[in-house]
Amino acid sequence: MSASLSSEEINFRQVHIQETARVVTGHLRTSGRATFGSWEHLTDEERGNISDWVELVFLSQIEAYGPALRRLGIDDVGD
């Protein structure tokens, strides 16, 4: 991943993480795994916390992609 992202890339990443967090919140609520209301009913702090977790998982998936392919014996991962 490039160390210097354009402002458009940074903006898209932030919006993508926020929208993913909103969707995750909806899934948690409808699955009965959460007792809070919809995304709109959360405080800014609660939204930020969920967004932070989504970003952590997102970045972790990117980091784990190559090693997972190698564990499966797929060596041509373009590193």
N, C-alpha and C. Protein backbone atom coordinates (compact mmCIF):
# COMPACT_ATOMS: atom_id res chain seq x y z
N MET A 1 0.84 -1.17 0.00
CA MET A 1 0.00 0.00 0.00
C MET A 1 0.89 1.24 0.00
N SER A 2 0.59 2.18 -0.84
CA SER A 2 1.40 3.39 -0.96
C SER A 2 1.33 4.22 0.31
N ALA A 3 2.47 4.78 0.69
CA ALA A 3 2.52 5.59 1.90
C ALA A 3 1.86 6.95 1.70
N SER A 4 1.86 7.45 0.47
CA SER A 4 1.26 8.75 0.23
C SER A 4 0.02 8.60 -0.66
N LEU A 5 -1.12 8.81 -0.06
CA LEU A 5 -2.38 8.72 -0.77
C LEU A 5 -2.86 10.11 -1.15
N SER A 6 -3.56 10.21 -2.26
CA SER A 6 -4.13 11.49 -2.65
C SER A 6 -5.30 11.82 -1.73
N SER A 7 -5.71 13.06 -1.71
CA SER A 7 -6.83 13.46 -0.86
C SER A 7 -8.11 12.75 -1.28
N GLU A 8 -8.28 12.48 -2.57
CA GLU A 8 -9.46 11.74 -3.03
C GLU A 8 -9.44 10.31 -2.51
N GLU A 9 -8.25 9.68 -2.51
CA GLU A 9 -8.13 8.32 -2.00
C GLU A 9 -8.39 8.27 -0.50
N ILE A 10 -7.87 9.24 0.22
CA ILE A 10 -8.10 9.31 1.66
C ILE A 10 -9.58 9.52 1.95
N ASN A 11 -10.21 10.42 1.22
CA ASN A 11 -11.64 10.68 1.40
C ASN A 11 -12.46 9.43 1.10
N PHE A 12 -12.15 8.75 -0.01
CA PHE A 12 -12.90 7.53 -0.34
C PHE A 12 -12.73 6.49 0.76
N ARG A 13 -11.50 6.31 1.24
CA ARG A 13 -11.24 5.32 2.28
C ARG A 13 -12.06 5.63 3.53
N GLN A 14 -12.10 6.89 3.94
CA GLN A 14 -12.87 7.28 5.12
C GLN A 14 -14.36 7.02 4.92
N VAL A 15 -14.89 7.41 3.77
CA VAL A 15 -16.31 7.20 3.49
C VAL A 15 -16.62 5.71 3.41
N HIS A 16 -15.74 4.94 2.78
CA HIS A 16 -15.94 3.50 2.66
C HIS A 16 -15.97 2.83 4.03
N ILE A 17 -15.07 3.21 4.91
CA ILE A 17 -15.03 2.65 6.26
C ILE A 17 -16.29 3.04 7.03
N GLN A 18 -16.73 4.29 6.91
CA GLN A 18 -17.93 4.74 7.61
C GLN A 18 -19.17 3.99 7.11
N GLU A 19 -19.27 3.82 5.80
CA GLU A 19 -20.42 3.10 5.25
C GLU A 19 -20.39 1.62 5.65
N THR A 20 -19.20 1.03 5.67
CA THR A 20 -19.07 -0.35 6.12
C THR A 20 -19.48 -0.47 7.58
N ALA A 21 -19.07 0.49 8.40
CA ALA A 21 -19.44 0.49 9.82
C ALA A 21 -20.96 0.61 9.97
N ARG A 22 -21.58 1.43 9.15
CA ARG A 22 -23.04 1.57 9.19
C ARG A 22 -23.72 0.25 8.86
N VAL A 23 -23.22 -0.44 7.83
CA VAL A 23 -23.78 -1.73 7.43
C VAL A 23 -23.57 -2.78 8.53
N VAL A 24 -22.37 -2.82 9.10
CA VAL A 24 -22.07 -3.75 10.20
C VAL A 24 -23.02 -3.51 11.36
N THR A 25 -23.25 -2.25 11.69
CA THR A 25 -24.17 -1.90 12.78
C THR A 25 -25.56 -2.46 12.50
N GLY A 26 -26.02 -2.31 11.27
CA GLY A 26 -27.33 -2.85 10.90
C GLY A 26 -27.39 -4.36 11.03
N HIS A 27 -26.34 -5.04 10.61
CA HIS A 27 -26.31 -6.50 10.72
C HIS A 27 -26.28 -6.95 12.19
N LEU A 28 -25.50 -6.26 13.01
CA LEU A 28 -25.46 -6.60 14.43
C LEU A 28 -26.83 -6.41 15.08
N ARG A 29 -27.48 -5.33 14.72
CA ARG A 29 -28.78 -5.02 15.31
C ARG A 29 -29.83 -6.05 14.90
N THR A 30 -29.88 -6.38 13.62
CA THR A 30 -30.91 -7.31 13.14
C THR A 30 -30.63 -8.75 13.53
N SER A 31 -29.37 -9.07 13.82
CA SER A 31 -29.04 -10.43 14.23
C SER A 31 -29.30 -10.66 15.72
N GLY A 32 -29.61 -9.59 16.43
CA GLY A 32 -29.85 -9.70 17.87
C GLY A 32 -28.57 -9.69 18.69
N ARG A 33 -27.44 -9.43 18.05
CA ARG A 33 -26.16 -9.41 18.77
C ARG A 33 -25.85 -8.05 19.40
N ALA A 34 -26.68 -7.09 19.15
CA ALA A 34 -26.47 -5.75 19.72
C ALA A 34 -27.80 -5.23 20.23
N THR A 35 -27.74 -4.43 21.26
CA THR A 35 -28.96 -3.90 21.87
C THR A 35 -29.21 -2.44 21.51
N PHE A 36 -28.33 -1.86 20.71
CA PHE A 36 -28.50 -0.45 20.35
C PHE A 36 -29.41 -0.31 19.13
N GLY A 37 -29.82 0.91 18.88
CA GLY A 37 -30.68 1.20 17.74
C GLY A 37 -29.88 1.25 16.45
N SER A 38 -30.39 1.98 15.51
CA SER A 38 -29.74 2.09 14.21
C SER A 38 -28.51 2.99 14.29
N TRP A 39 -27.75 3.03 13.21
CA TRP A 39 -26.56 3.87 13.10
C TRP A 39 -26.86 5.31 13.47
N GLU A 40 -28.01 5.78 13.02
CA GLU A 40 -28.39 7.17 13.26
C GLU A 40 -28.61 7.46 14.74
N HIS A 41 -28.91 6.44 15.54
CA HIS A 41 -29.16 6.64 16.96
C HIS A 41 -27.90 6.56 17.82
N LEU A 42 -26.77 6.21 17.21
CA LEU A 42 -25.51 6.12 17.95
C LEU A 42 -24.90 7.50 18.14
N THR A 43 -24.14 7.65 19.21
CA THR A 43 -23.42 8.90 19.42
C THR A 43 -22.23 8.96 18.46
N ASP A 44 -21.67 10.13 18.32
CA ASP A 44 -20.48 10.27 17.48
C ASP A 44 -19.34 9.39 17.99
N GLU A 45 -19.21 9.29 19.31
CA GLU A 45 -18.16 8.44 19.90
C GLU A 45 -18.39 6.97 19.56
N GLU A 46 -19.64 6.51 19.67
CA GLU A 46 -19.96 5.12 19.34
C GLU A 46 -19.70 4.84 17.86
N ARG A 47 -20.10 5.76 17.01
CA ARG A 47 -19.83 5.60 15.58
C ARG A 47 -18.33 5.55 15.31
N GLY A 48 -17.58 6.42 15.97
CA GLY A 48 -16.14 6.43 15.80
C GLY A 48 -15.50 5.13 16.25
N ASN A 49 -15.97 4.59 17.37
CA ASN A 49 -15.43 3.32 17.87
C ASN A 49 -15.69 2.18 16.89
N ILE A 50 -16.90 2.11 16.35
CA ILE A 50 -17.22 1.06 15.38
C ILE A 50 -16.40 1.26 14.12
N SER A 51 -16.28 2.49 13.65
CA SER A 51 -15.48 2.78 12.45
C SER A 51 -14.02 2.39 12.66
N ASP A 52 -13.49 2.64 13.86
CA ASP A 52 -12.11 2.26 14.16
C ASP A 52 -11.92 0.75 14.06
N TRP A 53 -12.88 -0.02 14.59
CA TRP A 53 -12.79 -1.48 14.50
C TRP A 53 -12.89 -1.96 13.06
N VAL A 54 -13.77 -1.34 12.28
CA VAL A 54 -13.89 -1.71 10.88
C VAL A 54 -12.58 -1.45 10.15
N GLU A 55 -11.95 -0.31 10.41
CA GLU A 55 -10.68 0.01 9.77
C GLU A 55 -9.60 -0.98 10.19
N LEU A 56 -9.58 -1.36 11.46
CA LEU A 56 -8.60 -2.33 11.94
C LEU A 56 -8.76 -3.67 11.22
N VAL A 57 -9.99 -4.13 11.08
CA VAL A 57 -10.25 -5.40 10.38
C VAL A 57 -9.88 -5.27 8.90
N PHE A 58 -10.24 -4.16 8.28
CA PHE A 58 -9.93 -3.91 6.88
C PHE A 58 -8.42 -3.99 6.63
N LEU A 59 -7.65 -3.27 7.44
CA LEU A 59 -6.20 -3.27 7.27
C LEU A 59 -5.59 -4.64 7.59
N SER A 60 -6.15 -5.33 8.57
CA SER A 60 -5.67 -6.66 8.92
C SER A 60 -5.91 -7.66 7.79
N GLN A 61 -7.05 -7.54 7.12
CA GLN A 61 -7.34 -8.43 5.99
C GLN A 61 -6.35 -8.21 4.86
N ILE A 62 -6.02 -6.95 4.59
CA ILE A 62 -5.05 -6.65 3.55
C ILE A 62 -3.69 -7.26 3.92
N GLU A 63 -3.29 -7.09 5.16
CA GLU A 63 -2.00 -7.60 5.62
C GLU A 63 -1.96 -9.13 5.58
N ALA A 64 -3.06 -9.78 5.85
CA ALA A 64 -3.10 -11.24 5.93
C ALA A 64 -3.29 -11.91 4.57
N TYR A 65 -3.62 -11.16 3.54
CA TYR A 65 -3.94 -11.74 2.23
C TYR A 65 -2.78 -12.55 1.65
N GLY A 66 -1.60 -11.96 1.56
CA GLY A 66 -0.44 -12.65 1.01
C GLY A 66 -0.06 -13.88 1.80
N PRO A 67 0.07 -13.77 3.14
CA PRO A 67 0.40 -14.95 3.93
C PRO A 67 -0.64 -16.08 3.78
N ALA A 68 -1.90 -15.72 3.67
CA ALA A 68 -2.94 -16.75 3.50
C ALA A 68 -2.75 -17.48 2.18
N LEU A 69 -2.45 -16.74 1.11
CA LEU A 69 -2.21 -17.38 -0.18
C LEU A 69 -0.99 -18.30 -0.11
N ARG A 70 0.06 -17.83 0.55
CA ARG A 70 1.27 -18.66 0.68
C ARG A 70 0.99 -19.94 1.47
N ARG A 71 0.17 -19.85 2.50
CA ARG A 71 -0.18 -21.05 3.28
C ARG A 71 -0.92 -22.06 2.43
N LEU A 72 -1.64 -21.57 1.45
CA LEU A 72 -2.36 -22.47 0.54
C LEU A 72 -1.48 -22.96 -0.61
N GLY A 73 -0.23 -22.51 -0.61
CA GLY A 73 0.68 -22.95 -1.65
C GLY A 73 0.60 -22.14 -2.92
N ILE A 74 -0.02 -20.98 -2.85
CA ILE A 74 -0.13 -20.10 -4.01
C ILE A 74 0.96 -19.05 -3.85
N ASP A 75 2.08 -19.25 -4.54
CA ASP A 75 3.25 -18.41 -4.34
C ASP A 75 3.25 -17.13 -5.18
N ASP A 76 2.53 -17.10 -6.26
CA ASP A 76 2.55 -15.94 -7.14
C ASP A 76 1.54 -14.90 -6.66
N VAL A 77 1.91 -14.17 -5.59
CA VAL A 77 0.99 -13.20 -5.01
C VAL A 77 1.33 -11.77 -5.40
N GLY A 78 2.36 -11.58 -6.21
CA GLY A 78 2.69 -10.25 -6.69
C GLY A 78 3.26 -9.33 -5.64
N ASP A 79 3.97 -9.87 -4.65
CA ASP A 79 4.59 -9.03 -3.61
C ASP A 79 5.72 -8.21 -4.18
